[in-house]
Each structure stands twice: as structure tokens, then as C-alpha cells.
Amino acid sequence: MNKILLWLVVSVFFLLVTTSPSNALEVGDPAPDFELESTKGGKLKLSSLRGKNVLINFYGYEFDPT
């Protein structure tokens, strides 16, 4: 049973990773606009930084909702 479940999970993951939607970004495409909370308070939109160098750092952290 465990091998079947593992095979199913791997298969679904493979399909999700290899299937690209028609609106997927290509190399060289502009990033879609988004808004985040600033570390100094307030909101910050990517479009407000147009023409400036922007580094987006994605990092993981453990979230415990309890």
C-alpha cells in the first residue's frame, strides 16, 4: 500500500511540475506586479520600484498557527 501511495504522490508532483499553464512566464518577461507589507510599515508595490534594481529574496520559515 505504501509503495502505491508513494508512486501516486510522485506522479502527481511530476505532472504539476512539468505541466506549464499557457500564461507562464518566460525568461526575459517582466515580473507580474504584486504588493507586500514593508519592513518599515505600510505597503510596497513592485510597480513603484520600476527602473530601480530589485532583489527579491524568498526564504522559508516554519509557521506554527497554534
PDB file of N, CA and C in Angstrom:
ATOM      1  N   MET A   1       0.820  -1.204   0.000  1.00  0.00           N
ATOM      2  CA  MET A   1       0.000   0.000   0.000  1.00  0.00           C
ATOM      3  C   MET A   1       0.861   1.265   0.000  1.00  0.00           C
ATOM      4  N   ASN A   2       1.932   1.262   0.792  1.00  0.00           N
ATOM      5  CA  ASN A   2       2.797   2.431   0.877  1.00  0.00           C
ATOM      6  C   ASN A   2       3.478   2.732  -0.451  1.00  0.00           C
ATOM      7  N   LYS A   3       3.867   1.677  -1.196  1.00  0.00           N
ATOM      8  CA  LYS A   3       4.518   1.879  -2.495  1.00  0.00           C
ATOM      9  C   LYS A   3       3.543   2.498  -3.485  1.00  0.00           C
ATOM     10  N   ILE A   4       2.301   2.102  -3.442  1.00  0.00           N
ATOM     11  CA  ILE A   4       1.285   2.653  -4.337  1.00  0.00           C
ATOM     12  C   ILE A   4       1.045   4.127  -4.011  1.00  0.00           C
ATOM     13  N   LEU A   5       0.939   4.447  -2.747  1.00  0.00           N
ATOM     14  CA  LEU A   5       0.742   5.831  -2.331  1.00  0.00           C
ATOM     15  C   LEU A   5       1.940   6.692  -2.718  1.00  0.00           C
ATOM     16  N   LEU A   6       3.148   6.186  -2.507  1.00  0.00           N
ATOM     17  CA  LEU A   6       4.347   6.922  -2.890  1.00  0.00           C
ATOM     18  C   LEU A   6       4.379   7.145  -4.395  1.00  0.00           C
ATOM     19  N   TRP A   7       4.061   6.135  -5.172  1.00  0.00           N
ATOM     20  CA  TRP A   7       4.037   6.254  -6.630  1.00  0.00           C
ATOM     21  C   TRP A   7       3.017   7.300  -7.059  1.00  0.00           C
ATOM     22  N   LEU A   8       1.852   7.309  -6.427  1.00  0.00           N
ATOM     23  CA  LEU A   8       0.811   8.274  -6.749  1.00  0.00           C
ATOM     24  C   LEU A   8       1.261   9.704  -6.438  1.00  0.00           C
ATOM     25  N   VAL A   9       1.876   9.902  -5.287  1.00  0.00           N
ATOM     26  CA  VAL A   9       2.347  11.233  -4.897  1.00  0.00           C
ATOM     27  C   VAL A   9       3.434  11.718  -5.851  1.00  0.00           C
ATOM     28  N   VAL A  10       4.373  10.856  -6.187  1.00  0.00           N
ATOM     29  CA  VAL A  10       5.443  11.227  -7.111  1.00  0.00           C
ATOM     30  C   VAL A  10       4.868  11.544  -8.486  1.00  0.00           C
ATOM     31  N   SER A  11       3.898  10.777  -8.937  1.00  0.00           N
ATOM     32  CA  SER A  11       3.286  11.008 -10.251  1.00  0.00           C
ATOM     33  C   SER A  11       2.565  12.344 -10.296  1.00  0.00           C
ATOM     34  N   VAL A  12       1.812  12.661  -9.270  1.00  0.00           N
ATOM     35  CA  VAL A  12       1.094  13.934  -9.224  1.00  0.00           C
ATOM     36  C   VAL A  12       2.083  15.093  -9.172  1.00  0.00           C
ATOM     37  N   PHE A  13       3.129  14.962  -8.378  1.00  0.00           N
ATOM     38  CA  PHE A  13       4.153  16.001  -8.306  1.00  0.00           C
ATOM     39  C   PHE A  13       4.794  16.207  -9.679  1.00  0.00           C
ATOM     40  N   PHE A  14       5.133  15.127 -10.365  1.00  0.00           N
ATOM     41  CA  PHE A  14       5.741  15.223 -11.691  1.00  0.00           C
ATOM     42  C   PHE A  14       4.812  15.946 -12.662  1.00  0.00           C
ATOM     43  N   LEU A  15       3.533  15.620 -12.631  1.00  0.00           N
ATOM     44  CA  LEU A  15       2.575  16.278 -13.523  1.00  0.00           C
ATOM     45  C   LEU A  15       2.450  17.768 -13.210  1.00  0.00           C
ATOM     46  N   LEU A  16       2.453  18.117 -11.934  1.00  0.00           N
ATOM     47  CA  LEU A  16       2.343  19.526 -11.552  1.00  0.00           C
ATOM     48  C   LEU A  16       3.581  20.315 -11.966  1.00  0.00           C
ATOM     49  N   VAL A  17       4.742  19.709 -11.862  1.00  0.00           N
ATOM     50  CA  VAL A  17       5.985  20.400 -12.184  1.00  0.00           C
ATOM     51  C   VAL A  17       6.179  20.528 -13.690  1.00  0.00           C
ATOM     52  N   THR A  18       5.829  19.502 -14.435  1.00  0.00           N
ATOM     53  CA  THR A  18       6.102  19.514 -15.872  1.00  0.00           C
ATOM     54  C   THR A  18       5.005  20.144 -16.702  1.00  0.00           C
ATOM     55  N   THR A  19       3.843  20.367 -16.136  1.00  0.00           N
ATOM     56  CA  THR A  19       2.743  20.976 -16.871  1.00  0.00           C
ATOM     57  C   THR A  19       2.788  22.477 -16.660  1.00  0.00           C
ATOM     58  N   SER A  20       3.012  23.224 -17.723  1.00  0.00           N
ATOM     59  CA  SER A  20       3.065  24.674 -17.574  1.00  0.00           C
ATOM     60  C   SER A  20       1.800  25.292 -18.154  1.00  0.00           C
ATOM     61  N   PRO A  21       1.173  26.199 -17.411  1.00  0.00           N
ATOM     62  CA  PRO A  21      -0.026  26.860 -17.922  1.00  0.00           C
ATOM     63  C   PRO A  21       0.316  27.789 -19.076  1.00  0.00           C
ATOM     64  N   SER A  22      -0.667  28.149 -19.854  1.00  0.00           N
ATOM     65  CA  SER A  22      -0.427  28.987 -21.030  1.00  0.00           C
ATOM     66  C   SER A  22       0.021  30.397 -20.661  1.00  0.00           C
ATOM     67  N   ASN A  23      -0.241  30.822 -19.429  1.00  0.00           N
ATOM     68  CA  ASN A  23       0.159  32.166 -19.018  1.00  0.00           C
ATOM     69  C   ASN A  23       1.457  32.166 -18.213  1.00  0.00           C
ATOM     70  N   ALA A  24       2.251  31.103 -18.340  1.00  0.00           N
ATOM     71  CA  ALA A  24       3.507  31.016 -17.601  1.00  0.00           C
ATOM     72  C   ALA A  24       4.497  32.045 -18.128  1.00  0.00           C
ATOM     73  N   LEU A  25       5.332  32.529 -17.232  1.00  0.00           N
ATOM     74  CA  LEU A  25       6.353  33.499 -17.621  1.00  0.00           C
ATOM     75  C   LEU A  25       7.499  32.794 -18.327  1.00  0.00           C
ATOM     76  N   GLU A  26       8.102  33.493 -19.242  1.00  0.00           N
ATOM     77  CA  GLU A  26       9.291  33.014 -19.944  1.00  0.00           C
ATOM     78  C   GLU A  26      10.472  33.864 -19.506  1.00  0.00           C
ATOM     79  N   VAL A  27      11.675  33.378 -19.731  1.00  0.00           N
ATOM     80  CA  VAL A  27      12.874  34.144 -19.413  1.00  0.00           C
ATOM     81  C   VAL A  27      12.826  35.462 -20.180  1.00  0.00           C
ATOM     82  N   GLY A  28      13.053  36.560 -19.481  1.00  0.00           N
ATOM     83  CA  GLY A  28      13.022  37.875 -20.093  1.00  0.00           C
ATOM     84  C   GLY A  28      11.694  38.603 -19.940  1.00  0.00           C
ATOM     85  N   ASP A  29      10.632  37.897 -19.537  1.00  0.00           N
ATOM     86  CA  ASP A  29       9.342  38.540 -19.306  1.00  0.00           C
ATOM     87  C   ASP A  29       9.414  39.402 -18.055  1.00  0.00           C
ATOM     88  N   PRO A  30       8.686  40.515 -18.022  1.00  0.00           N
ATOM     89  CA  PRO A  30       8.654  41.319 -16.796  1.00  0.00           C
ATOM     90  C   PRO A  30       7.909  40.575 -15.689  1.00  0.00           C
ATOM     91  N   ALA A  31       8.321  40.822 -14.472  1.00  0.00           N
ATOM     92  CA  ALA A  31       7.671  40.183 -13.327  1.00  0.00           C
ATOM     93  C   ALA A  31       6.263  40.742 -13.160  1.00  0.00           C
ATOM     94  N   PRO A  32       5.305  39.926 -12.758  1.00  0.00           N
ATOM     95  CA  PRO A  32       3.967  40.452 -12.501  1.00  0.00           C
ATOM     96  C   PRO A  32       3.990  41.378 -11.279  1.00  0.00           C
ATOM     97  N   ASP A  33       3.129  42.363 -11.288  1.00  0.00           N
ATOM     98  CA  ASP A  33       3.075  43.314 -10.176  1.00  0.00           C
ATOM     99  C   ASP A  33       2.472  42.633  -8.947  1.00  0.00           C
ATOM    100  N   PHE A  34       3.044  42.912  -7.794  1.00  0.00           N
ATOM    101  CA  PHE A  34       2.491  42.398  -6.540  1.00  0.00           C
ATOM    102  C   PHE A  34       2.740  43.411  -5.443  1.00  0.00           C
ATOM    103  N   GLU A  35       2.066  43.224  -4.330  1.00  0.00           N
ATOM    104  CA  GLU A  35       2.151  44.145  -3.203  1.00  0.00           C
ATOM    105  C   GLU A  35       2.460  43.362  -1.936  1.00  0.00           C
ATOM    106  N   LEU A  36       3.406  43.868  -1.159  1.00  0.00           N
ATOM    107  CA  LEU A  36       3.793  43.239   0.107  1.00  0.00           C
ATOM    108  C   LEU A  36       3.826  44.281   1.205  1.00  0.00           C
ATOM    109  N   GLU A  37       3.815  43.812   2.436  1.00  0.00           N
ATOM    110  CA  GLU A  37       3.981  44.717   3.571  1.00  0.00           C
ATOM    111  C   GLU A  37       5.453  45.073   3.679  1.00  0.00           C
ATOM    112  N   SER A  38       5.735  46.347   3.874  1.00  0.00           N
ATOM    113  CA  SER A  38       7.103  46.825   4.016  1.00  0.00           C
ATOM    114  C   SER A  38       7.618  46.514   5.414  1.00  0.00           C
ATOM    115  N   THR A  39       8.935  46.352   5.532  1.00  0.00           N
ATOM    116  CA  THR A  39       9.523  46.139   6.861  1.00  0.00           C
ATOM    117  C   THR A  39       9.461  47.408   7.703  1.00  0.00           C
ATOM    118  N   LYS A  40       9.204  48.554   7.046  1.00  0.00           N
ATOM    119  CA  LYS A  40       9.087  49.833   7.757  1.00  0.00           C
ATOM    120  C   LYS A  40       7.631  50.221   7.989  1.00  0.00           C
ATOM    121  N   GLY A  41       6.720  49.308   7.701  1.00  0.00           N
ATOM    122  CA  GLY A  41       5.295  49.581   7.831  1.00  0.00           C
ATOM    123  C   GLY A  41       4.712  50.036   6.506  1.00  0.00           C
ATOM    124  N   GLY A  42       3.454  49.816   6.316  1.00  0.00           N
ATOM    125  CA  GLY A  42       2.799  50.200   5.072  1.00  0.00           C
ATOM    126  C   GLY A  42       2.929  49.130   3.999  1.00  0.00           C
ATOM    127  N   LYS A  43       2.535  49.478   2.794  1.00  0.00           N
ATOM    128  CA  LYS A  43       2.548  48.552   1.664  1.00  0.00           C
ATOM    129  C   LYS A  43       3.578  49.004   0.640  1.00  0.00           C
ATOM    130  N   LEU A  44       4.101  48.060  -0.100  1.00  0.00           N
ATOM    131  CA  LEU A  44       5.071  48.345  -1.147  1.00  0.00           C
ATOM    132  C   LEU A  44       4.700  47.533  -2.377  1.00  0.00           C
ATOM    133  N   LYS A  45       4.510  48.221  -3.518  1.00  0.00           N
ATOM    134  CA  LYS A  45       4.186  47.549  -4.779  1.00  0.00           C
ATOM    135  C   LYS A  45       5.436  47.471  -5.644  1.00  0.00           C
ATOM    136  N   LEU A  46       5.583  46.346  -6.316  1.00  0.00           N
ATOM    137  CA  LEU A  46       6.721  46.176  -7.209  1.00  0.00           C
ATOM    138  C   LEU A  46       6.728  47.254  -8.287  1.00  0.00           C
ATOM    139  N   SER A  47       5.567  47.630  -8.792  1.00  0.00           N
ATOM    140  CA  SER A  47       5.496  48.635  -9.857  1.00  0.00           C
ATOM    141  C   SER A  47       6.018  50.000  -9.405  1.00  0.00           C
ATOM    142  N   SER A  48       6.006  50.280  -8.102  1.00  0.00           N
ATOM    143  CA  SER A  48       6.520  51.561  -7.616  1.00  0.00           C
ATOM    144  C   SER A  48       8.046  51.612  -7.677  1.00  0.00           C
ATOM    145  N   LEU A  49       8.678  50.485  -7.925  1.00  0.00           N
ATOM    146  CA  LEU A  49      10.139  50.418  -7.995  1.00  0.00           C
ATOM    147  C   LEU A  49      10.638  50.308  -9.429  1.00  0.00           C
ATOM    148  N   ARG A  50       9.757  50.534 -10.403  1.00  0.00           N
ATOM    149  CA  ARG A  50      10.135  50.403 -11.812  1.00  0.00           C
ATOM    150  C   ARG A  50      11.327  51.302 -12.123  1.00  0.00           C
ATOM    151  N   GLY A  51      12.316  50.732 -12.832  1.00  0.00           N
ATOM    152  CA  GLY A  51      13.519  51.465 -13.187  1.00  0.00           C
ATOM    153  C   GLY A  51      14.631  51.350 -12.159  1.00  0.00           C
ATOM    154  N   LYS A  52      14.337  50.726 -11.006  1.00  0.00           N
ATOM    155  CA  LYS A  52      15.353  50.537  -9.964  1.00  0.00           C
ATOM    156  C   LYS A  52      15.736  49.068  -9.911  1.00  0.00           C
ATOM    157  N   ASN A  53      16.922  48.787  -9.389  1.00  0.00           N
ATOM    158  CA  ASN A  53      17.328  47.396  -9.182  1.00  0.00           C
ATOM    159  C   ASN A  53      16.560  46.829  -7.993  1.00  0.00           C
ATOM    160  N   VAL A  54      16.031  45.620  -8.162  1.00  0.00           N
ATOM    161  CA  VAL A  54      15.241  44.990  -7.111  1.00  0.00           C
ATOM    162  C   VAL A  54      15.757  43.576  -6.900  1.00  0.00           C
ATOM    163  N   LEU A  55      16.014  43.216  -5.662  1.00  0.00           N
ATOM    164  CA  LEU A  55      16.393  41.866  -5.294  1.00  0.00           C
ATOM    165  C   LEU A  55      15.252  41.288  -4.472  1.00  0.00           C
ATOM    166  N   ILE A  56      14.715  40.179  -4.938  1.00  0.00           N
ATOM    167  CA  ILE A  56      13.632  39.516  -4.214  1.00  0.00           C
ATOM    168  C   ILE A  56      14.218  38.271  -3.563  1.00  0.00           C
ATOM    169  N   ASN A  57      14.189  38.234  -2.253  1.00  0.00           N
ATOM    170  CA  ASN A  57      14.762  37.132  -1.502  1.00  0.00           C
ATOM    171  C   ASN A  57      13.628  36.284  -0.926  1.00  0.00           C
ATOM    172  N   PHE A  58      13.494  35.079  -1.433  1.00  0.00           N
ATOM    173  CA  PHE A  58      12.495  34.152  -0.914  1.00  0.00           C
ATOM    174  C   PHE A  58      13.179  33.242   0.097  1.00  0.00           C
ATOM    175  N   TYR A  59      12.639  33.172   1.267  1.00  0.00           N
ATOM    176  CA  TYR A  59      13.211  32.297   2.282  1.00  0.00           C
ATOM    177  C   TYR A  59      12.072  31.571   2.977  1.00  0.00           C
ATOM    178  N   GLY A  60      12.409  30.429   3.494  1.00  0.00           N
ATOM    179  CA  GLY A  60      11.395  29.625   4.178  1.00  0.00           C
ATOM    180  C   GLY A  60      11.499  29.775   5.681  1.00  0.00           C
ATOM    181  N   TYR A  61      10.401  29.621   6.333  1.00  0.00           N
ATOM    182  CA  TYR A  61      10.377  29.602   7.766  1.00  0.00           C
ATOM    183  C   TYR A  61       9.272  28.667   8.209  1.00  0.00           C
ATOM    184  N   GLU A  62       9.392  28.190   9.403  1.00  0.00           N
ATOM    185  CA  GLU A  62       8.390  27.284   9.936  1.00  0.00           C
ATOM    186  C   GLU A  62       7.240  28.100  10.518  1.00  0.00           C
ATOM    187  N   PHE A  63       6.037  27.793  10.073  1.00  0.00           N
ATOM    188  CA  PHE A  63       4.857  28.507  10.537  1.00  0.00           C
ATOM    189  C   PHE A  63       4.066  27.596  11.455  1.00  0.00           C
ATOM    190  N   ASP A  64       3.830  28.044  12.661  1.00  0.00           N
ATOM    191  CA  ASP A  64       3.047  27.273  13.619  1.00  0.00           C
ATOM    192  C   ASP A  64       1.828  28.106  14.006  1.00  0.00           C
ATOM    193  N   PRO A  65       0.648  27.800  13.448  1.00  0.00           N
ATOM    194  CA  PRO A  65      -0.539  28.615  13.714  1.00  0.00           C
ATOM    195  C   PRO A  65      -1.104  28.467  15.116  1.00  0.00           C
ATOM    196  N   THR A  66      -0.574  27.543  15.922  1.00  0.00           N
ATOM    197  CA  THR A  66      -1.129  27.351  17.272  1.00  0.00           C
ATOM    198  C   THR A  66      -0.482  28.232  18.290  1.00  0.00           C
TER     199      THR A  66
END
